[in-house]
Amino acid sequence: MIRELATEVGVEMDEEDAAVIDHLHYDTVADDGQHTLLTAPSSGLLQSSIVVGVAPAAPLLYRGTGLITDPENPLILPVLRASSTAYSHNPNTAITDYPHATGESVVLLAALQARNNARVLVSGSLEFFSDAFILSPVSTPQGGNHKQSGNGGVVDAVTRWVLKEAGVLKVIDVSHHKVGESSPPPEYTIKDDLEYHITVEQLVEGIWMPFQAKDLQLEFVRIDPFVRMALKPSSSGRFSAHFMVPDVYGVYQFKVEYNRIGFTRLYHSTQVAVRPFLHTQ
């Protein structure tokens, strides 16, 4: 049932009794000789502090099966990849066929953020989240010794992310009007100077805080964008834009769409009419 559920969200799990094996990245003290207790380098973590927190200096302990994700699926996030020397196979049987997955194509933790912002986390190891692994010291074949694994910070960050306690955005307020006015007109006229404002907040430690970003964009669209520009941020989370209405009348939309790894999808649109000059203008 778990395998079927994982498949539904775009993650394929290896066969039963299979485990990820790495002869160069394993715990030299706690491993049972099969090299299945991995010391996964933190370099395999997703490059997103929102999802995984700050990359730890110590390796991450992992013992479990391997996962495969579709690299062409933009909704799947490989949260933690194995090293280039790893492979997934049953450690108690001889290798007669090519392993299910090898190298960095072996995913240890995978996440999905659906188009409706629902989140799912799939792990090939329950022990990864255990107190025993979080508090365990780590010894690597390369001579590295760490008093504690790097699991703790990653477990905390990824758990808060999948439960939507982190990386959540919402639109608080949107306004637009002609320059020098304070309320939107029934319709705009071509070549009007207008202002657009949108206020966005981010959930941080259970509190809604002003969102800070320099890459939020506004589009003024009539089938295709006639205007695309960066929104000017402020410390209050209010983003602003000032531009001239295009010299083409019709029905337009103000569109703000923000898709970044780790954050919920932010989308807002407002429809307005643009008319030509009157004969008296």
Protein backbone atom coordinates (compact mmCIF):
# COMPACT_ATOMS: atom_id res chain seq x y z
CA MET A 1 0.00 0.00 0.00
CA ILE A 2 2.84 2.39 0.86
CA ARG A 3 4.53 1.62 -2.46
CA GLU A 4 1.31 2.31 -4.34
CA LEU A 5 0.87 5.60 -2.50
CA ALA A 6 4.46 6.60 -3.30
CA THR A 7 3.89 5.77 -6.96
CA GLU A 8 0.80 8.00 -6.99
CA VAL A 9 2.97 10.99 -6.05
CA GLY A 10 5.67 10.18 -8.61
CA VAL A 11 8.17 8.24 -6.47
CA GLU A 12 9.21 4.65 -7.24
CA MET A 13 10.54 2.49 -4.40
CA ASP A 14 12.96 -0.42 -4.83
CA GLU A 15 11.91 -4.03 -4.24
CA GLU A 16 11.40 -5.48 -0.78
CA ASP A 17 14.57 -6.38 1.14
CA ALA A 18 16.58 -4.00 -1.04
CA ALA A 19 18.79 -1.40 0.62
CA VAL A 20 21.05 1.41 -0.45
CA ILE A 21 24.68 0.24 -0.31
CA ASP A 22 27.77 2.43 -0.41
CA HIS A 23 31.24 0.98 0.09
CA LEU A 24 32.84 4.41 0.48
CA HIS A 25 30.27 6.20 2.65
CA TYR A 26 29.22 4.04 5.59
CA ASP A 27 29.59 4.16 9.36
CA THR A 28 32.74 2.22 10.22
CA VAL A 29 31.65 1.63 13.83
CA ALA A 30 27.91 0.88 13.72
CA ASP A 31 27.63 -0.80 10.30
CA ASP A 32 27.14 -4.60 10.35
CA GLY A 33 29.53 -5.25 7.48
CA GLN A 34 27.04 -4.91 4.63
CA HIS A 35 27.74 -1.19 4.22
CA THR A 36 24.04 -0.32 4.39
CA LEU A 37 24.35 2.18 7.24
CA LEU A 38 25.20 5.14 5.06
CA THR A 39 26.93 8.35 6.03
CA ALA A 40 25.34 10.45 3.31
CA PRO A 41 27.26 13.69 2.61
CA SER A 42 25.30 16.88 3.22
CA SER A 43 26.25 17.94 -0.33
CA GLY A 44 23.44 15.65 -1.49
CA LEU A 45 20.81 17.85 0.17
CA LEU A 46 18.45 20.00 -1.86
CA GLN A 47 19.81 23.52 -2.25
CA SER A 48 16.98 25.16 -0.32
CA SER A 49 17.31 26.29 3.29
CA ILE A 50 13.51 26.58 3.47
CA VAL A 51 13.15 22.82 2.98
CA VAL A 52 16.27 21.32 4.62
CA GLY A 53 17.59 24.13 6.81
CA VAL A 54 21.29 24.91 7.00
CA ALA A 55 23.44 22.12 5.55
CA PRO A 56 25.14 20.35 8.49
CA ALA A 57 28.88 19.75 8.69
CA ALA A 58 28.37 16.14 9.79
CA PRO A 59 27.13 13.41 7.41
CA LEU A 60 23.58 12.11 7.64
CA LEU A 61 22.91 8.56 8.82
CA TYR A 62 20.59 6.57 6.57
CA ARG A 63 19.60 2.92 6.40
CA GLY A 64 16.80 1.94 4.07
CA THR A 65 15.68 1.40 0.50
CA GLY A 66 16.36 3.58 -2.51
CA LEU A 67 13.89 5.80 -4.35
CA ILE A 68 13.72 6.91 -7.96
CA THR A 69 12.01 10.10 -9.11
CA ASP A 70 11.15 11.41 -12.54
CA PRO A 71 13.65 14.21 -13.32
CA GLU A 72 11.17 15.75 -15.76
CA ASN A 73 8.48 16.16 -13.10
CA PRO A 74 8.80 19.78 -11.89
CA LEU A 75 6.70 19.08 -8.80
CA ILE A 76 9.11 16.48 -7.34
CA LEU A 77 11.95 17.64 -5.10
CA PRO A 78 14.91 15.28 -4.44
CA VAL A 79 15.44 16.38 -0.84
CA LEU A 80 18.44 14.08 -0.26
CA ARG A 81 20.45 12.18 -2.86
CA ALA A 82 22.95 9.40 -2.25
CA SER A 83 26.60 9.82 -3.22
CA SER A 84 27.93 8.87 -6.65
CA THR A 85 29.27 5.55 -5.28
CA ALA A 86 25.95 4.25 -3.93
CA TYR A 87 23.55 1.73 -5.43
CA SER A 88 20.32 0.04 -4.41
CA HIS A 89 20.20 -3.75 -4.18
CA ASN A 90 19.45 -6.64 -1.83
CA PRO A 91 22.65 -6.97 0.23
CA ASN A 92 22.07 -10.71 0.78
CA THR A 93 21.97 -11.70 -2.89
CA ALA A 94 24.55 -11.61 -5.65
CA ILE A 95 24.26 -8.88 -8.26
CA THR A 96 23.28 -10.52 -11.55
CA ASP A 97 21.31 -7.64 -13.08
CA TYR A 98 21.92 -3.93 -13.18
CA PRO A 99 20.80 -2.41 -9.84
CA HIS A 100 17.50 -0.59 -9.55
CA ALA A 101 19.32 2.72 -9.19
CA THR A 102 22.93 3.82 -8.96
CA GLY A 103 24.90 6.90 -8.01
CA GLU A 104 23.17 10.21 -7.54
CA SER A 105 20.03 8.87 -9.21
CA VAL A 106 19.40 7.09 -5.89
CA VAL A 107 17.12 9.39 -3.92
CA LEU A 108 16.90 8.89 -0.16
CA LEU A 109 14.26 11.53 0.65
CA ALA A 110 11.82 12.88 -1.93
CA ALA A 111 9.09 15.48 -1.63
CA LEU A 112 6.17 16.60 -3.75
CA GLN A 113 4.47 19.98 -3.73
CA ALA A 114 1.29 19.70 -5.79
CA ARG A 115 -0.23 22.51 -7.83
CA ASN A 116 -2.69 23.17 -5.01
CA ASN A 117 0.32 23.52 -2.63
CA ALA A 118 -0.36 20.18 -0.88
CA ARG A 119 2.91 18.61 0.31
CA VAL A 120 4.05 15.00 0.61
CA LEU A 121 7.36 13.60 1.88
CA VAL A 122 8.54 10.08 0.97
CA SER A 123 11.45 8.50 2.83
CA GLY A 124 13.08 5.15 2.22
CA SER A 125 14.10 4.99 5.88
CA LEU A 126 12.10 5.44 9.07
CA GLU A 127 15.31 5.27 11.11
CA PHE A 128 16.46 8.51 9.49
CA PHE A 129 13.94 10.32 11.73
CA SER A 130 14.69 8.32 14.90
CA ASP A 131 16.33 9.67 18.04
CA ALA A 132 18.94 6.91 17.73
CA PHE A 133 20.14 8.24 14.37
CA ILE A 134 19.81 11.91 15.33
CA LEU A 135 21.94 11.51 18.47
CA SER A 136 24.36 8.90 17.14
CA PRO A 137 28.06 9.70 16.58
CA VAL A 138 29.38 9.18 13.05
CA SER A 139 32.65 7.65 11.84
CA THR A 140 33.48 7.54 8.13
CA PRO A 141 36.02 5.45 6.15
CA GLN A 142 37.84 8.68 5.30
CA GLY A 143 38.71 9.16 8.98
CA GLY A 144 36.00 11.67 9.81
CA ASN A 145 34.60 11.52 13.33
CA HIS A 146 31.59 13.52 14.48
CA LYS A 147 29.98 13.54 17.91
CA GLN A 148 26.53 13.70 16.37
CA SER A 149 25.02 13.09 12.94
CA GLY A 150 23.57 15.87 10.82
CA ASN A 151 20.09 14.32 10.87
CA GLY A 152 18.63 16.53 13.60
CA GLY A 153 18.54 19.85 11.78
CA VAL A 154 17.38 18.28 8.52
CA VAL A 155 14.60 16.30 10.22
CA ASP A 156 13.37 19.43 12.00
CA ALA A 157 13.41 21.58 8.86
CA VAL A 158 11.86 19.08 6.46
CA THR A 159 9.15 18.14 8.97
CA ARG A 160 8.15 21.77 9.48
CA TRP A 161 8.15 22.26 5.71
CA VAL A 162 5.94 19.27 4.87
CA LEU A 163 3.49 20.24 7.65
CA LYS A 164 3.31 23.76 6.17
CA GLU A 165 4.95 25.43 9.11
CA ALA A 166 7.57 26.92 6.79
CA GLY A 167 7.73 28.20 3.23
CA VAL A 168 4.10 29.39 3.16
CA LEU A 169 3.17 32.65 1.42
CA LYS A 170 -0.14 34.51 1.19
CA VAL A 171 -1.43 37.71 -0.39
CA ILE A 172 -2.79 40.18 2.15
CA ASP A 173 -3.84 43.12 0.03
CA VAL A 174 -3.85 44.28 -3.60
CA SER A 175 -4.55 47.77 -4.92
CA HIS A 176 -4.15 49.69 -8.18
CA HIS A 177 -5.02 53.21 -9.25
CA LYS A 178 -3.92 56.14 -11.38
CA VAL A 179 -0.92 58.10 -10.17
CA GLY A 180 -2.12 60.81 -7.80
CA GLU A 181 -5.35 58.99 -6.93
CA SER A 182 -6.18 56.46 -4.22
CA SER A 183 -8.97 54.28 -5.62
CA PRO A 184 -9.22 52.25 -8.84
CA PRO A 185 -11.17 53.82 -11.72
CA PRO A 186 -14.02 52.00 -13.49
CA GLU A 187 -11.65 51.70 -16.44
CA TYR A 188 -8.26 52.92 -17.49
CA THR A 189 -7.44 54.93 -20.60
CA ILE A 190 -4.51 54.10 -22.83
CA LYS A 191 -1.30 55.85 -21.74
CA ASP A 192 -2.54 56.41 -18.19
CA ASP A 193 0.17 56.40 -15.52
CA LEU A 194 -0.81 53.89 -12.87
CA GLU A 195 0.46 52.34 -9.66
CA TYR A 196 0.09 48.74 -8.52
CA HIS A 197 0.67 47.47 -4.98
CA ILE A 198 0.56 43.97 -3.51
CA THR A 199 1.29 42.98 0.10
CA VAL A 200 2.66 39.49 0.75
CA GLU A 201 3.37 37.75 4.05
CA GLN A 202 5.39 34.66 4.95
CA LEU A 203 4.78 32.23 7.81
CA VAL A 204 7.85 32.23 10.08
CA GLU A 205 7.88 30.27 13.34
CA GLY A 206 4.08 30.38 13.47
CA ILE A 207 3.90 34.16 12.90
CA TRP A 208 2.97 35.93 9.67
CA MET A 209 5.83 38.26 8.77
CA PRO A 210 6.39 40.65 5.82
CA PHE A 211 7.82 38.72 2.87
CA GLN A 212 11.17 39.95 1.60
CA ALA A 213 12.25 39.21 -1.98
CA LYS A 214 13.83 41.00 -4.92
CA ASP A 215 12.53 38.73 -7.69
CA LEU A 216 8.75 39.22 -7.49
CA GLN A 217 7.39 40.32 -10.87
CA LEU A 218 4.22 41.92 -12.23
CA GLU A 219 2.75 41.25 -15.66
CA PHE A 220 0.10 43.36 -17.38
CA VAL A 221 -1.46 40.82 -19.74
CA ARG A 222 -3.84 40.93 -22.67
CA ILE A 223 -3.42 37.40 -24.08
CA ASP A 224 0.34 38.07 -23.95
CA PRO A 225 2.18 40.28 -21.46
CA PHE A 226 2.40 43.89 -22.64
CA VAL A 227 4.31 44.86 -19.50
CA ARG A 228 6.60 42.71 -17.38
CA MET A 229 8.56 44.36 -14.59
CA ALA A 230 10.10 43.73 -11.19
CA LEU A 231 8.08 44.83 -8.20
CA LYS A 232 9.89 47.16 -5.82
CA PRO A 233 10.02 45.61 -2.32
CA SER A 234 9.67 47.33 1.04
CA SER A 235 10.32 46.33 4.64
CA SER A 236 6.56 46.06 5.26
CA GLY A 237 6.10 43.34 2.62
CA ARG A 238 4.39 45.78 0.24
CA PHE A 239 5.60 45.50 -3.35
CA SER A 240 4.99 48.32 -5.81
CA ALA A 241 5.16 49.07 -9.53
CA HIS A 242 4.63 52.21 -11.60
CA PHE A 243 4.14 52.11 -15.37
CA MET A 244 2.21 53.57 -18.29
CA VAL A 245 -0.80 51.71 -19.69
CA PRO A 246 0.02 50.35 -23.19
CA ASP A 247 -1.29 52.16 -26.26
CA VAL A 248 -3.61 49.22 -27.02
CA TYR A 249 -7.11 49.05 -25.57
CA GLY A 250 -8.85 45.87 -24.42
CA VAL A 251 -9.31 43.72 -21.31
CA TYR A 252 -6.13 43.24 -19.28
CA GLN A 253 -5.07 41.43 -16.14
CA PHE A 254 -2.58 42.37 -13.47
CA LYS A 255 -0.80 39.06 -12.80
CA VAL A 256 1.62 38.16 -10.05
CA GLU A 257 2.94 34.59 -10.07
CA TYR A 258 5.80 33.44 -7.86
CA ASN A 259 7.15 29.88 -8.07
CA ARG A 260 10.29 29.18 -6.07
CA ILE A 261 11.61 25.94 -4.58
CA GLY A 262 10.47 25.60 -0.99
CA PHE A 263 7.69 28.19 -1.13
CA THR A 264 4.01 27.66 -1.81
CA ARG A 265 2.90 28.87 -5.23
CA LEU A 266 1.80 32.49 -5.06
CA TYR A 267 -0.69 33.65 -7.69
CA HIS A 268 -2.99 36.63 -7.93
CA SER A 269 -4.75 38.25 -10.88
CA THR A 270 -7.01 41.28 -11.22
CA GLN A 271 -8.94 42.07 -14.41
CA VAL A 272 -9.33 45.65 -15.66
CA ALA A 273 -10.60 47.35 -18.81
CA VAL A 274 -8.54 49.76 -20.92
CA ARG A 275 -10.37 52.05 -23.35
CA PRO A 276 -9.09 54.31 -26.14
CA PHE A 277 -9.13 58.10 -25.94
CA LEU A 278 -12.51 59.76 -26.14
CA HIS A 279 -13.06 62.12 -29.06
CA THR A 280 -12.77 64.99 -26.58
CA GLN A 281 -9.35 63.87 -25.33
